[in-house]
Full PDB file with SEQRES, HELIX, SHEET, SSBOND, CRYST1, ORIGX, SCALE, CONECT and MASTER records, all heavy atoms in Angstrom:
SEQRES   1 A   37  THR PHE THR ASP THR ILE PHE TYR GLU ARG SER VAL PRO          
SEQRES   2 A   37  LEU LEU ARG LEU ASP PHE GLY LEU SER ASP GLN GLY GLN          
SEQRES   3 A   37  ASP ILE ALA TYR GLN ILE LYS GLN ARG MET GLY                  
HELIX    1 AA1 ILE A    6  ARG A   10  1                                   5    
HELIX    2 AA2 VAL A   12  ARG A   16  5                                   5    
HELIX    3 AA3 ILE A   28  MET A   36  1                                   9    
CRYST1    1.000    1.000    1.000  90.00  90.00  90.00 P 1           1          
ORIGX1      1.000000  0.000000  0.000000        0.00000                         
ORIGX2      0.000000  1.000000  0.000000        0.00000                         
ORIGX3      0.000000  0.000000  1.000000        0.00000                         
SCALE1      1.000000  0.000000  0.000000        0.00000                         
SCALE2      0.000000  1.000000  0.000000        0.00000                         
SCALE3      0.000000  0.000000  1.000000        0.00000                         
ATOM      1  N   THR A   1     -39.336-166.598 -61.611  1.00  0.00           N  
ATOM      2  CA  THR A   1     -39.741-167.911 -62.090  1.00  0.00           C  
ATOM      3  C   THR A   1     -41.185-168.229 -61.710  1.00  0.00           C  
ATOM      4  O   THR A   1     -41.854-169.026 -62.383  1.00  0.00           O  
ATOM      5  CB  THR A   1     -38.820-169.000 -61.505  1.00  0.00           C  
ATOM      6  OG1 THR A   1     -38.830-168.899 -60.069  1.00  0.00           O  
ATOM      7  CG2 THR A   1     -37.405-168.830 -62.024  1.00  0.00           C  
ATOM      8  N   PHE A   2     -41.673-167.590 -60.646  1.00  0.00           N  
ATOM      9  CA  PHE A   2     -43.061-167.770 -60.232  1.00  0.00           C  
ATOM     10  C   PHE A   2     -43.923-166.533 -60.493  1.00  0.00           C  
ATOM     11  O   PHE A   2     -45.120-166.659 -60.733  1.00  0.00           O  
ATOM     12  CB  PHE A   2     -43.132-168.118 -58.739  1.00  0.00           C  
ATOM     13  CG  PHE A   2     -42.457-169.409 -58.387  1.00  0.00           C  
ATOM     14  CD1 PHE A   2     -41.188-169.420 -57.843  1.00  0.00           C  
ATOM     15  CD2 PHE A   2     -43.092-170.617 -58.618  1.00  0.00           C  
ATOM     16  CE1 PHE A   2     -40.562-170.610 -57.510  1.00  0.00           C  
ATOM     17  CE2 PHE A   2     -42.480-171.820 -58.294  1.00  0.00           C  
ATOM     18  CZ  PHE A   2     -41.206-171.819 -57.747  1.00  0.00           C  
ATOM     19  N   THR A   3     -43.326-165.348 -60.446  1.00  0.00           N  
ATOM     20  CA  THR A   3     -44.106-164.114 -60.636  1.00  0.00           C  
ATOM     21  C   THR A   3     -44.324-163.777 -62.102  1.00  0.00           C  
ATOM     22  O   THR A   3     -45.324-163.146 -62.442  1.00  0.00           O  
ATOM     23  CB  THR A   3     -43.417-162.945 -59.936  1.00  0.00           C  
ATOM     24  OG1 THR A   3     -42.097-162.773 -60.470  1.00  0.00           O  
ATOM     25  CG2 THR A   3     -43.325-163.190 -58.437  1.00  0.00           C  
ATOM     26  N   ASP A   4     -43.395-164.171 -62.958  1.00  0.00           N  
ATOM     27  CA  ASP A   4     -43.521-163.874 -64.392  1.00  0.00           C  
ATOM     28  C   ASP A   4     -44.283-165.004 -65.081  1.00  0.00           C  
ATOM     29  O   ASP A   4     -43.808-165.623 -66.028  1.00  0.00           O  
ATOM     30  CB  ASP A   4     -42.139-163.691 -65.023  1.00  0.00           C  
ATOM     31  CG  ASP A   4     -42.229-163.048 -66.405  1.00  0.00           C  
ATOM     32  OD1 ASP A   4     -43.278-162.437 -66.708  1.00  0.00           O  
ATOM     33  OD2 ASP A   4     -41.259-163.158 -67.184  1.00  0.00           O  
ATOM     34  N   THR A   5     -45.476-165.275 -64.593  1.00  0.00           N  
ATOM     35  CA  THR A   5     -46.338-166.330 -65.124  1.00  0.00           C  
ATOM     36  C   THR A   5     -47.757-165.805 -65.269  1.00  0.00           C  
ATOM     37  O   THR A   5     -48.124-164.762 -64.713  1.00  0.00           O  
ATOM     38  CB  THR A   5     -46.347-167.557 -64.192  1.00  0.00           C  
ATOM     39  OG1 THR A   5     -46.804-167.152 -62.888  1.00  0.00           O  
ATOM     40  CG2 THR A   5     -44.947-168.160 -64.069  1.00  0.00           C  
ATOM     41  N   ILE A   6     -48.557-166.552 -65.995  1.00  0.00           N  
ATOM     42  CA  ILE A   6     -49.951-166.144 -66.199  1.00  0.00           C  
ATOM     43  C   ILE A   6     -50.723-166.230 -64.887  1.00  0.00           C  
ATOM     44  O   ILE A   6     -51.543-165.358 -64.569  1.00  0.00           O  
ATOM     45  CB  ILE A   6     -50.612-167.027 -67.273  1.00  0.00           C  
ATOM     46  CG1 ILE A   6     -49.914-166.831 -68.618  1.00  0.00           C  
ATOM     47  CG2 ILE A   6     -52.095-166.693 -67.408  1.00  0.00           C  
ATOM     48  CD1 ILE A   6     -50.475-167.709 -69.725  1.00  0.00           C  
ATOM     49  N   PHE A   7     -50.462-167.274 -64.084  1.00  0.00           N  
ATOM     50  CA  PHE A   7     -51.192-167.434 -62.833  1.00  0.00           C  
ATOM     51  C   PHE A   7     -50.961-166.263 -61.887  1.00  0.00           C  
ATOM     52  O   PHE A   7     -51.907-165.729 -61.301  1.00  0.00           O  
ATOM     53  CB  PHE A   7     -50.790-168.742 -62.153  1.00  0.00           C  
ATOM     54  CG  PHE A   7     -51.414-168.940 -60.804  1.00  0.00           C  
ATOM     55  CD1 PHE A   7     -52.752-169.287 -60.695  1.00  0.00           C  
ATOM     56  CD2 PHE A   7     -50.685-168.744 -59.640  1.00  0.00           C  
ATOM     57  CE1 PHE A   7     -53.348-169.455 -59.449  1.00  0.00           C  
ATOM     58  CE2 PHE A   7     -51.268-168.911 -58.402  1.00  0.00           C  
ATOM     59  CZ  PHE A   7     -52.600-169.263 -58.306  1.00  0.00           C  
ATOM     60  N   TYR A   8     -49.720-165.872 -61.735  1.00  0.00           N  
ATOM     61  CA  TYR A   8     -49.416-164.784 -60.802  1.00  0.00           C  
ATOM     62  C   TYR A   8     -50.012-163.464 -61.298  1.00  0.00           C  
ATOM     63  O   TYR A   8     -50.592-162.705 -60.518  1.00  0.00           O  
ATOM     64  CB  TYR A   8     -47.908-164.648 -60.634  1.00  0.00           C  
ATOM     65  CG  TYR A   8     -47.512-163.612 -59.617  1.00  0.00           C  
ATOM     66  CD1 TYR A   8     -47.404-163.938 -58.277  1.00  0.00           C  
ATOM     67  CD2 TYR A   8     -47.252-162.289 -59.994  1.00  0.00           C  
ATOM     68  CE1 TYR A   8     -47.056-162.984 -57.322  1.00  0.00           C  
ATOM     69  CE2 TYR A   8     -46.906-161.334 -59.055  1.00  0.00           C  
ATOM     70  CZ  TYR A   8     -46.803-161.679 -57.725  1.00  0.00           C  
ATOM     71  OH  TYR A   8     -46.458-160.735 -56.793  1.00  0.00           O  
ATOM     72  N   GLU A   9     -49.875-163.176 -62.572  1.00  0.00           N  
ATOM     73  CA  GLU A   9     -50.332-161.886 -63.088  1.00  0.00           C  
ATOM     74  C   GLU A   9     -51.845-161.805 -63.183  1.00  0.00           C  
ATOM     75  O   GLU A   9     -52.414-160.709 -63.111  1.00  0.00           O  
ATOM     76  CB  GLU A   9     -49.699-161.624 -64.455  1.00  0.00           C  
ATOM     77  CG  GLU A   9     -48.190-161.445 -64.408  1.00  0.00           C  
ATOM     78  CD  GLU A   9     -47.609-161.110 -65.768  1.00  0.00           C  
ATOM     79  OE1 GLU A   9     -48.373-161.157 -66.761  1.00  0.00           O  
ATOM     80  OE2 GLU A   9     -46.407-160.808 -65.839  1.00  0.00           O  
ATOM     81  N   ARG A  10     -52.515-162.951 -63.350  1.00  0.00           N  
ATOM     82  CA  ARG A  10     -53.957-162.937 -63.539  1.00  0.00           C  
ATOM     83  C   ARG A  10     -54.737-163.269 -62.275  1.00  0.00           C  
ATOM     84  O   ARG A  10     -55.839-162.748 -62.072  1.00  0.00           O  
ATOM     85  CB  ARG A  10     -54.349-163.935 -64.643  1.00  0.00           C  
ATOM     86  CG  ARG A  10     -53.889-163.528 -66.018  1.00  0.00           C  
ATOM     87  CD  ARG A  10     -54.740-162.418 -66.566  1.00  0.00           C  
ATOM     88  NE  ARG A  10     -54.285-161.970 -67.877  1.00  0.00           N  
ATOM     89  CZ  ARG A  10     -54.942-161.096 -68.635  1.00  0.00           C  
ATOM     90  NH1 ARG A  10     -56.085-160.601 -68.214  1.00  0.00           N  
ATOM     91  NH2 ARG A  10     -54.465-160.717 -69.794  1.00  0.00           N  
ATOM     92  N   SER A  11     -54.202-164.139 -61.424  1.00  0.00           N  
ATOM     93  CA  SER A  11     -54.963-164.634 -60.289  1.00  0.00           C  
ATOM     94  C   SER A  11     -54.573-164.010 -58.965  1.00  0.00           C  
ATOM     95  O   SER A  11     -55.442-163.697 -58.143  1.00  0.00           O  
ATOM     96  CB  SER A  11     -54.820-166.164 -60.191  1.00  0.00           C  
ATOM     97  OG  SER A  11     -55.403-166.777 -61.312  1.00  0.00           O  
ATOM     98  N   VAL A  12     -53.289-163.840 -58.731  1.00  0.00           N  
ATOM     99  CA  VAL A  12     -52.847-163.313 -57.444  1.00  0.00           C  
ATOM    100  C   VAL A  12     -53.397-161.910 -57.174  1.00  0.00           C  
ATOM    101  O   VAL A  12     -53.825-161.622 -56.042  1.00  0.00           O  
ATOM    102  CB  VAL A  12     -51.308-163.339 -57.351  1.00  0.00           C  
ATOM    103  CG1 VAL A  12     -50.822-162.647 -56.088  1.00  0.00           C  
ATOM    104  CG2 VAL A  12     -50.809-164.775 -57.388  1.00  0.00           C  
ATOM    105  N   PRO A  13     -53.433-160.989 -58.151  1.00  0.00           N  
ATOM    106  CA  PRO A  13     -54.013-159.662 -57.865  1.00  0.00           C  
ATOM    107  C   PRO A  13     -55.470-159.700 -57.434  1.00  0.00           C  
ATOM    108  O   PRO A  13     -55.956-158.760 -56.794  1.00  0.00           O  
ATOM    109  CB  PRO A  13     -53.852-158.914 -59.194  1.00  0.00           C  
ATOM    110  CG  PRO A  13     -52.682-159.558 -59.850  1.00  0.00           C  
ATOM    111  CD  PRO A  13     -52.792-161.007 -59.478  1.00  0.00           C  
ATOM    112  N   LEU A  14     -56.194-160.783 -57.756  1.00  0.00           N  
ATOM    113  CA  LEU A  14     -57.594-160.874 -57.336  1.00  0.00           C  
ATOM    114  C   LEU A  14     -57.728-160.926 -55.825  1.00  0.00           C  
ATOM    115  O   LEU A  14     -58.741-160.494 -55.274  1.00  0.00           O  
ATOM    116  CB  LEU A  14     -58.238-162.127 -57.944  1.00  0.00           C  
ATOM    117  CG  LEU A  14     -58.371-162.163 -59.468  1.00  0.00           C  
ATOM    118  CD1 LEU A  14     -58.957-163.493 -59.904  1.00  0.00           C  
ATOM    119  CD2 LEU A  14     -59.221-161.017 -59.975  1.00  0.00           C  
ATOM    120  N   LEU A  15     -56.712-161.440 -55.127  1.00  0.00           N  
ATOM    121  CA  LEU A  15     -56.764-161.535 -53.678  1.00  0.00           C  
ATOM    122  C   LEU A  15     -56.748-160.161 -53.022  1.00  0.00           C  
ATOM    123  O   LEU A  15     -57.190-160.022 -51.876  1.00  0.00           O  
ATOM    124  CB  LEU A  15     -55.604-162.386 -53.165  1.00  0.00           C  
ATOM    125  CG  LEU A  15     -55.572-163.833 -53.680  1.00  0.00           C  
ATOM    126  CD1 LEU A  15     -54.334-164.550 -53.161  1.00  0.00           C  
ATOM    127  CD2 LEU A  15     -56.832-164.580 -53.283  1.00  0.00           C  
ATOM    128  N   ARG A  16     -56.237-159.143 -53.701  1.00  0.00           N  
ATOM    129  CA  ARG A  16     -56.277-157.773 -53.190  1.00  0.00           C  
ATOM    130  C   ARG A  16     -57.310-156.931 -53.948  1.00  0.00           C  
ATOM    131  O   ARG A  16     -57.223-155.702 -53.987  1.00  0.00           O  
ATOM    132  CB  ARG A  16     -54.891-157.126 -53.268  1.00  0.00           C  
ATOM    133  CG  ARG A  16     -54.283-157.044 -54.655  1.00  0.00           C  
ATOM    134  CD  ARG A  16     -52.953-156.288 -54.604  1.00  0.00           C  
ATOM    135  NE  ARG A  16     -52.383-156.089 -55.925  1.00  0.00           N  
ATOM    136  CZ  ARG A  16     -51.516-156.906 -56.499  1.00  0.00           C  
ATOM    137  NH1 ARG A  16     -51.111-157.988 -55.843  1.00  0.00           N  
ATOM    138  NH2 ARG A  16     -51.041-156.657 -57.716  1.00  0.00           N  
ATOM    139  N   LEU A  17     -58.275-157.624 -54.575  1.00  0.00           N  
ATOM    140  CA  LEU A  17     -59.411-156.992 -55.277  1.00  0.00           C  
ATOM    141  C   LEU A  17     -58.961-156.125 -56.440  1.00  0.00           C  
ATOM    142  O   LEU A  17     -59.606-155.122 -56.767  1.00  0.00           O  
ATOM    143  CB  LEU A  17     -60.262-156.172 -54.297  1.00  0.00           C  
ATOM    144  CG  LEU A  17     -60.852-156.941 -53.118  1.00  0.00           C  
ATOM    145  CD1 LEU A  17     -61.675-156.015 -52.250  1.00  0.00           C  
ATOM    146  CD2 LEU A  17     -61.693-158.117 -53.585  1.00  0.00           C  
ATOM    147  N   ASP A  18     -57.858-156.503 -57.071  1.00  0.00           N  
ATOM    148  CA  ASP A  18     -57.392-155.833 -58.276  1.00  0.00           C  
ATOM    149  C   ASP A  18     -57.765-156.717 -59.461  1.00  0.00           C  
ATOM    150  O   ASP A  18     -57.096-157.702 -59.767  1.00  0.00           O  
ATOM    151  CB  ASP A  18     -55.880-155.623 -58.218  1.00  0.00           C  
ATOM    152  CG  ASP A  18     -55.351-154.887 -59.454  1.00  0.00           C  
ATOM    153  OD1 ASP A  18     -56.183-154.385 -60.249  1.00  0.00           O  
ATOM    154  OD2 ASP A  18     -54.119-154.814 -59.621  1.00  0.00           O  
ATOM    155  N   PHE A  19     -58.878-156.377 -60.127  1.00  0.00           N  
ATOM    156  CA  PHE A  19     -59.401-157.224 -61.189  1.00  0.00           C  
ATOM    157  C   PHE A  19     -58.753-156.960 -62.535  1.00  0.00           C  
ATOM    158  O   PHE A  19     -58.928-157.751 -63.460  1.00  0.00           O  
ATOM    159  CB  PHE A  19     -60.917-157.041 -61.300  1.00  0.00           C  
ATOM    160  CG  PHE A  19     -61.645-157.381 -60.035  1.00  0.00           C  
ATOM    161  CD1 PHE A  19     -62.088-156.383 -59.181  1.00  0.00           C  
ATOM    162  CD2 PHE A  19     -61.883-158.688 -59.683  1.00  0.00           C  
ATOM    163  CE1 PHE A  19     -62.757-156.689 -58.006  1.00  0.00           C  
ATOM    164  CE2 PHE A  19     -62.549-159.011 -58.507  1.00  0.00           C  
ATOM    165  CZ  PHE A  19     -62.982-158.012 -57.668  1.00  0.00           C  
ATOM    166  N   GLY A  20     -58.055-155.853 -62.675  1.00  0.00           N  
ATOM    167  CA  GLY A  20     -57.332-155.577 -63.906  1.00  0.00           C  
ATOM    168  C   GLY A  20     -58.249-155.265 -65.068  1.00  0.00           C  
ATOM    169  O   GLY A  20     -59.378-154.793 -64.907  1.00  0.00           O  
ATOM    170  N   LEU A  21     -57.760-155.557 -66.270  1.00  0.00           N  
ATOM    171  CA  LEU A  21     -58.480-155.288 -67.510  1.00  0.00           C  
ATOM    172  C   LEU A  21     -58.875-156.592 -68.169  1.00  0.00           C  
ATOM    173  O   LEU A  21     -58.188-157.608 -68.042  1.00  0.00           O  
ATOM    174  CB  LEU A  21     -57.622-154.464 -68.473  1.00  0.00           C  
ATOM    175  CG  LEU A  21     -57.149-153.098 -67.981  1.00  0.00           C  
ATOM    176  CD1 LEU A  21     -56.250-152.439 -69.021  1.00  0.00           C  
ATOM    177  CD2 LEU A  21     -58.326-152.182 -67.650  1.00  0.00           C  
ATOM    178  N   SER A  22     -59.971-156.568 -68.879  1.00  0.00           N  
ATOM    179  CA  SER A  22     -60.397-157.737 -69.632  1.00  0.00           C  
ATOM    180  C   SER A  22     -59.585-157.851 -70.910  1.00  0.00           C  
ATOM    181  O   SER A  22     -58.784-156.974 -71.252  1.00  0.00           O  
ATOM    182  CB  SER A  22     -61.891-157.639 -69.967  1.00  0.00           C  
ATOM    183  OG  SER A  22     -62.127-156.550 -70.842  1.00  0.00           O  
ATOM    184  N   ASP A  23     -59.788-158.939 -71.639  1.00  0.00           N  
ATOM    185  CA  ASP A  23     -59.077-159.122 -72.905  1.00  0.00           C  
ATOM    186  C   ASP A  23     -59.493-158.097 -73.942  1.00  0.00           C  
ATOM    187  O   ASP A  23     -58.781-157.875 -74.929  1.00  0.00           O  
ATOM    188  CB  ASP A  23     -59.332-160.534 -73.450  1.00  0.00           C  
ATOM    189  CG  ASP A  23     -58.713-161.599 -72.561  1.00  0.00           C  
ATOM    190  OD1 ASP A  23     -57.742-161.273 -71.852  1.00  0.00           O  
ATOM    191  OD2 ASP A  23     -59.208-162.742 -72.566  1.00  0.00           O  
ATOM    192  N   GLN A  24     -60.648-157.468 -73.738  1.00  0.00           N  
ATOM    193  CA  GLN A  24     -61.097-156.395 -74.646  1.00  0.00           C  
ATOM    194  C   GLN A  24     -60.635-155.021 -74.189  1.00  0.00           C  
ATOM    195  O   GLN A  24     -61.015-154.013 -74.788  1.00  0.00           O  
ATOM    196  CB  GLN A  24     -62.629-156.416 -74.762  1.00  0.00           C  
ATOM    197  CG  GLN A  24     -63.173-157.616 -75.523  1.00  0.00           C  
ATOM    198  CD  GLN A  24     -63.105-158.887 -74.719  1.00  0.00           C  
ATOM    199  OE1 GLN A  24     -63.178-158.846 -73.484  1.00  0.00           O  
ATOM    200  NE2 GLN A  24     -62.974-160.014 -75.388  1.00  0.00           N  
ATOM    201  N   GLY A  25     -59.849-154.952 -73.112  1.00  0.00           N  
ATOM    202  CA  GLY A  25     -59.319-153.679 -72.628  1.00  0.00           C  
ATOM    203  C   GLY A  25     -60.249-152.920 -71.706  1.00  0.00           C  
ATOM    204  O   GLY A  25     -59.995-151.757 -71.411  1.00  0.00           O  
ATOM    205  N   GLN A  26     -61.319-153.538 -71.215  1.00  0.00           N  
ATOM    206  CA  GLN A  26     -62.268-152.861 -70.337  1.00  0.00           C  
ATOM    207  C   GLN A  26     -61.866-153.044 -68.880  1.00  0.00           C  
ATOM    208  O   GLN A  26     -61.325-154.094 -68.499  1.00  0.00           O  
ATOM    209  CB  GLN A  26     -63.678-153.408 -70.564  1.00  0.00           C  
ATOM    210  CG  GLN A  26     -64.198-153.202 -71.974  1.00  0.00           C  
ATOM    211  CD  GLN A  26     -65.556-153.838 -72.177  1.00  0.00           C  
ATOM    212  OE1 GLN A  26     -65.991-154.653 -71.384  1.00  0.00           O  
ATOM    213  NE2 GLN A  26     -66.232-153.463 -73.248  1.00  0.00           N  
ATOM    214  N   ASP A  27     -62.129-152.027 -68.072  1.00  0.00           N  
ATOM    215  CA  ASP A  27     -61.836-152.085 -66.648  1.00  0.00           C  
ATOM    216  C   ASP A  27     -62.870-152.982 -65.973  1.00  0.00           C  
ATOM    217  O   ASP A  27     -64.058-152.647 -65.906  1.00  0.00           O  
ATOM    218  CB  ASP A  27     -61.869-150.681 -66.051  1.00  0.00           C  
ATOM    219  CG  ASP A  27     -61.398-150.663 -64.600  1.00  0.00           C  
ATOM    220  OD1 ASP A  27     -61.083-151.751 -64.068  1.00  0.00           O  
ATOM    221  OD2 ASP A  27     -61.339-149.577 -64.000  1.00  0.00           O  
ATOM    222  N   ILE A  28     -62.436-154.129 -65.454  1.00  0.00           N  
ATOM    223  CA  ILE A  28     -63.368-155.103 -64.880  1.00  0.00           C  
ATOM    224  C   ILE A  28     -64.004-154.560 -63.610  1.00  0.00           C  
ATOM    225  O   ILE A  28     -65.198-154.773 -63.360  1.00  0.00           O  
ATOM    226  CB  ILE A  28     -62.637-156.422 -64.619  1.00  0.00           C  
ATOM    227  CG1 ILE A  28     -62.115-157.004 -65.930  1.00  0.00           C  
ATOM    228  CG2 ILE A  28     -63.559-157.420 -63.935  1.00  0.00           C  
ATOM    229  CD1 ILE A  28     -61.335-158.289 -65.770  1.00  0.00           C  
ATOM    230  N   ALA A  29     -63.225-153.856 -62.781  1.00  0.00           N  
ATOM    231  CA  ALA A  29     -63.784-153.296 -61.547  1.00  0.00           C  
ATOM    232  C   ALA A  29     -64.900-152.301 -61.856  1.00  0.00           C  
ATOM    233  O   ALA A  29     -65.926-152.262 -61.164  1.00  0.00           O  
ATOM    234  CB  ALA A  29     -62.690-152.624 -60.738  1.00  0.00           C  
ATOM    235  N   TYR A  30     -64.725-151.489 -62.897  1.00  0.00           N  
ATOM    236  CA  TYR A  30     -65.762-150.535 -63.293  1.00  0.00           C  
ATOM    237  C   TYR A  30     -67.013-151.266 -63.780  1.00  0.00           C  
ATOM    238  O   TYR A  30     -68.143-150.855 -63.457  1.00  0.00           O  
ATOM    239  CB  TYR A  30     -65.227-149.626 -64.386  1.00  0.00           C  
ATOM    240  CG  TYR A  30     -66.249-148.672 -64.942  1.00  0.00           C  
ATOM    241  CD1 TYR A  30     -66.635-147.539 -64.233  1.00  0.00           C  
ATOM    242  CD2 TYR A  30     -66.849-148.907 -66.177  1.00  0.00           C  
ATOM    243  CE1 TYR A  30     -67.588-146.669 -64.738  1.00  0.00           C  
ATOM    244  CE2 TYR A  30     -67.798-148.045 -66.692  1.00  0.00           C  
ATOM    245  CZ  TYR A  30     -68.164-146.927 -65.969  1.00  0.00           C  
ATOM    246  OH  TYR A  30     -69.112-146.064 -66.487  1.00  0.00           O  
ATOM    247  N   GLN A  31     -66.817-152.348 -64.541  1.00  0.00           N  
ATOM    248  CA  GLN A  31     -67.963-153.118 -65.023  1.00  0.00           C  
ATOM    249  C   GLN A  31     -68.726-153.753 -63.861  1.00  0.00           C  
ATOM    250  O   GLN A  31     -69.961-153.809 -63.873  1.00  0.00           O  
ATOM    251  CB  GLN A  31     -67.477-154.199 -65.993  1.00  0.00           C  
ATOM    252  CG  GLN A  31     -66.811-153.665 -67.244  1.00  0.00           C  
ATOM    253  CD  GLN A  31     -67.762-152.868 -68.118  1.00  0.00           C  
ATOM    254  OE1 GLN A  31     -68.958-153.171 -68.181  1.00  0.00           O  
ATOM    255  NE2 GLN A  31     -67.249-151.858 -68.789  1.00  0.00           N  
ATOM    256  N   ILE A  32     -68.000-154.222 -62.842  1.00  0.00           N  
ATOM    257  CA  ILE A  32     -68.658-154.801 -61.674  1.00  0.00           C  
ATOM    258  C   ILE A  32     -69.465-153.742 -60.933  1.00  0.00           C  
ATOM    259  O   ILE A  32     -70.603-153.985 -60.496  1.00  0.00           O  
ATOM    260  CB  ILE A  32     -67.613-155.457 -60.747  1.00  0.00           C  
ATOM    261  CG1 ILE A  32     -66.985-156.665 -61.438  1.00  0.00           C  
ATOM    262  CG2 ILE A  32     -68.238-155.863 -59.413  1.00  0.00           C  
ATOM    263  CD1 ILE A  32     -65.882-157.311 -60.642  1.00  0.00           C  
ATOM    264  N   LYS A  33     -68.895-152.548 -60.769  1.00  0.00           N  
ATOM    265  CA  LYS A  33     -69.606-151.473 -60.081  1.00  0.00           C  
ATOM    266  C   LYS A  33     -70.868-151.074 -60.832  1.00  0.00           C  
ATOM    267  O   LYS A  33     -71.886-150.756 -60.223  1.00  0.00           O  
ATOM    268  CB  LYS A  33     -68.692-150.266 -59.921  1.00  0.00           C  
ATOM    269  CG  LYS A  33     -67.531-150.483 -58.948  1.00  0.00           C  
ATOM    270  CD  LYS A  33     -66.648-149.252 -58.865  1.00  0.00           C  
ATOM    271  CE  LYS A  33     -65.483-149.477 -57.921  1.00  0.00           C  
ATOM    272  NZ  LYS A  33     -64.573-148.298 -57.853  1.00  0.00           N  
ATOM    273  N   GLN A  34     -70.807-151.088 -62.162  1.00  0.00           N  
ATOM    274  CA  GLN A  34     -71.973-150.722 -62.958  1.00  0.00           C  
ATOM    275  C   GLN A  34     -73.114-151.719 -62.799  1.00  0.00           C  
ATOM    276  O   GLN A  34     -74.290-151.349 -62.830  1.00  0.00           O  
ATOM    277  CB  GLN A  34     -71.582-150.628 -64.434  1.00  0.00           C  
ATOM    278  CG  GLN A  34     -70.680-149.441 -64.772  1.00  0.00           C  
ATOM    279  CD  GLN A  34     -71.402-148.119 -64.611  1.00  0.00           C  
ATOM    280  OE1 GLN A  34     -71.170-147.387 -63.649  1.00  0.00           O  
ATOM    281  NE2 GLN A  34     -72.276-147.798 -65.538  1.00  0.00           N  
ATOM    282  N   ARG A  35     -72.780-152.995 -62.619  1.00  0.00           N  
ATOM    283  CA  ARG A  35     -73.796-154.043 -62.572  1.00  0.00           C  
ATOM    284  C   ARG A  35     -74.107-154.516 -61.161  1.00  0.00           C  
ATOM    285  O   ARG A  35     -75.026-155.309 -60.964  1.00  0.00           O  
ATOM    286  CB  ARG A  35     -73.333-155.233 -63.412  1.00  0.00           C  
ATOM    287  CG  ARG A  35     -73.280-154.926 -64.900  1.00  0.00           C  
ATOM    288  CD  ARG A  35     -72.437-155.932 -65.651  1.00  0.00           C  
ATOM    289  NE  ARG A  35     -72.505-155.741 -67.089  1.00  0.00           N  
ATOM    290  CZ  ARG A  35     -71.854-154.808 -67.756  1.00  0.00           C  
ATOM    291  NH1 ARG A  35     -71.068-153.971 -67.108  1.00  0.00           N  
ATOM    292  NH2 ARG A  35     -71.967-154.692 -69.065  1.00  0.00           N  
ATOM    293  N   MET A  36     -73.350-154.052 -60.179  1.00  0.00           N  
ATOM    294  CA  MET A  36     -73.544-154.520 -58.819  1.00  0.00           C  
ATOM    295  C   MET A  36     -74.859-154.006 -58.228  1.00  0.00           C  
ATOM    296  O   MET A  36     -75.537-154.728 -57.485  1.00  0.00           O  
ATOM    297  CB  MET A  36     -72.363-154.078 -57.953  1.00  0.00           C  
ATOM    298  CG  MET A  36     -72.402-154.585 -56.525  1.00  0.00           C  
ATOM    299  SD  MET A  36     -70.857-154.258 -55.655  1.00  0.00           S  
ATOM    300  CE  MET A  36     -70.783-152.454 -55.798  1.00  0.00           C  
ATOM    301  N   GLY A  37     -75.234-152.788 -58.539  1.00  0.00           N  
ATOM    302  CA  GLY A  37     -76.455-152.210 -57.995  1.00  0.00           C  
ATOM    303  C   GLY A  37     -77.709-152.980 -58.363  1.00  0.00           C  
ATOM    304  O   GLY A  37     -78.466-153.419 -57.464  1.00  0.00           O  
TER     305      GLY A  37                                                      
MASTER        0    0    0    3    0    0    0    6  304    1    0    3          
END                                                                             
C-alpha cells in the first residue's frame, strides 16, 4: 500500500543513490557521471 506507489519507486531509491532511468530510457547515473567532470 506504500511501496507500490510513485513516491516509493521514484524517490526512495534516491536515498541509496539509485537514480534509475529517465522517462526517455536513459541511465541518469551515467548522465551525471558524464557531466560531473
